[in-house]
Protein backbone atom coordinates (compact mmCIF):
# COMPACT_ATOMS: atom_id res chain seq x y z
CA MET A 1 -2.29 -6.80 -6.66
CA TYR A 2 -3.98 -3.48 -6.50
CA TYR A 3 -5.34 -1.27 -3.74
CA LYS A 4 -8.74 -3.00 -3.67
CA GLU A 5 -7.32 -6.43 -2.83
CA ILE A 6 -5.12 -4.99 -0.07
CA ALA A 7 -8.10 -3.10 1.35
CA LEU A 8 -10.13 -6.31 1.45
CA ARG A 9 -7.35 -8.26 3.18
CA THR A 10 -6.62 -5.59 5.80
CA ASN A 11 -10.21 -4.41 6.37
CA LYS A 12 -9.07 -0.82 5.77
CA SER A 13 -10.31 1.68 3.20
CA ILE A 14 -8.53 2.26 -0.08
CA SER A 15 -7.73 5.84 0.93
CA THR A 16 -6.06 4.54 4.10
CA ILE A 17 -3.88 2.16 2.06
CA LYS A 18 -2.91 5.02 -0.26
CA LYS A 19 -1.93 7.20 2.71
CA TRP A 20 0.10 4.34 4.19
CA ARG A 21 1.91 3.82 0.87
CA LEU A 22 2.89 7.49 0.75
CA ARG A 23 4.04 7.41 4.38
CA ILE A 24 6.09 4.24 3.78
CA GLU A 25 7.79 5.87 0.80
CA THR A 26 8.67 9.02 2.75
CA LEU A 27 9.90 7.25 5.89
CA SER A 28 11.82 4.35 4.39
CA GLY A 29 12.63 5.52 0.88
CA TYR A 30 11.16 2.30 -0.55
CA ARG A 31 9.51 2.66 -3.96
CA PHE A 32 6.61 0.49 -5.04
CA LYS A 33 6.41 -0.84 -8.59
CA LYS A 34 4.32 1.21 -11.02
CA VAL A 35 2.61 -0.34 -14.04
CA ARG A 36 1.30 1.62 -17.01
CA ARG A 37 -1.96 0.25 -18.45
CA ARG A 38 -3.91 1.35 -21.48
CA VAL A 39 -7.42 2.43 -20.45
CA SER A 40 -8.63 3.64 -23.83
CA LYS A 41 -7.39 4.02 -27.37
CA ARG A 42 -5.48 7.21 -26.61
CA SER A 43 -4.72 7.23 -22.92
CA THR A 44 -2.89 5.20 -20.34
CA GLN A 45 -2.93 5.23 -16.55
CA VAL A 46 -0.31 4.37 -13.98
CA PHE A 47 -1.23 1.84 -11.29
CA PHE A 48 0.74 0.44 -8.39
CA ASP A 49 1.29 -3.31 -8.66
CA PHE A 50 2.00 -4.77 -5.22
CA THR A 51 3.82 -8.08 -4.77
CA GLU A 52 2.63 -10.79 -2.40
CA ALA A 53 5.46 -9.93 0.02
CA GLU A 54 4.39 -6.29 0.07
CA VAL A 55 0.78 -7.30 0.69
CA SER A 56 1.81 -9.45 3.66
CA LYS A 57 3.71 -6.47 5.07
CA PHE A 58 0.61 -4.29 4.67
CA ILE A 59 -1.34 -6.91 6.63
CA ALA A 60 1.30 -6.91 9.38
CA LEU A 61 1.27 -3.11 9.37
CA SER A 62 -2.51 -3.11 9.75
CA TYR A 63 -2.25 -5.41 12.76
CA LEU A 64 0.43 -3.24 14.40
CA VAL A 65 -1.45 0.01 13.78
CA ASP A 66 -4.60 -1.50 15.32
CA LYS A 67 -2.55 -2.63 18.31
CA THR A 68 -0.46 0.52 18.93
CA ASN A 69 -2.24 3.36 17.06
CA LYS A 70 1.19 4.67 15.97
CA LEU A 71 1.66 4.55 12.21
CA ASP A 72 5.25 5.80 12.00
CA ASP A 73 6.54 3.40 14.66
CA SER A 74 4.65 0.51 13.06
CA ILE A 75 6.14 1.28 9.63
CA LYS A 76 9.64 1.31 11.08
CA GLU A 77 9.02 -2.01 12.85
CA VAL A 78 7.70 -3.77 9.76
C-alpha cells in the first residue's frame, strides 16, 4: 500500500503520514520497505510499500494521536 491508501484509512493528509513515517524511523529505528518502480523509459522512482500490519499500526497511531495529541508517546506505545 502507498501513502494515499493510508491517508484514506486514517483520515489524515499524505504529508502528515510522511511526517509520521520519518518520526517513526528516527524514534524506533524501524525501516519501511522501499520499492523501485519504472516511471518512464529512462527513469525510476522509489516508493514506500507498506504492509497490512504497518497500515493497521498507522491506524492505531492515528487514534492515539487524536486521543492524546502526543505523537512521540503514541509512537512508543504502538
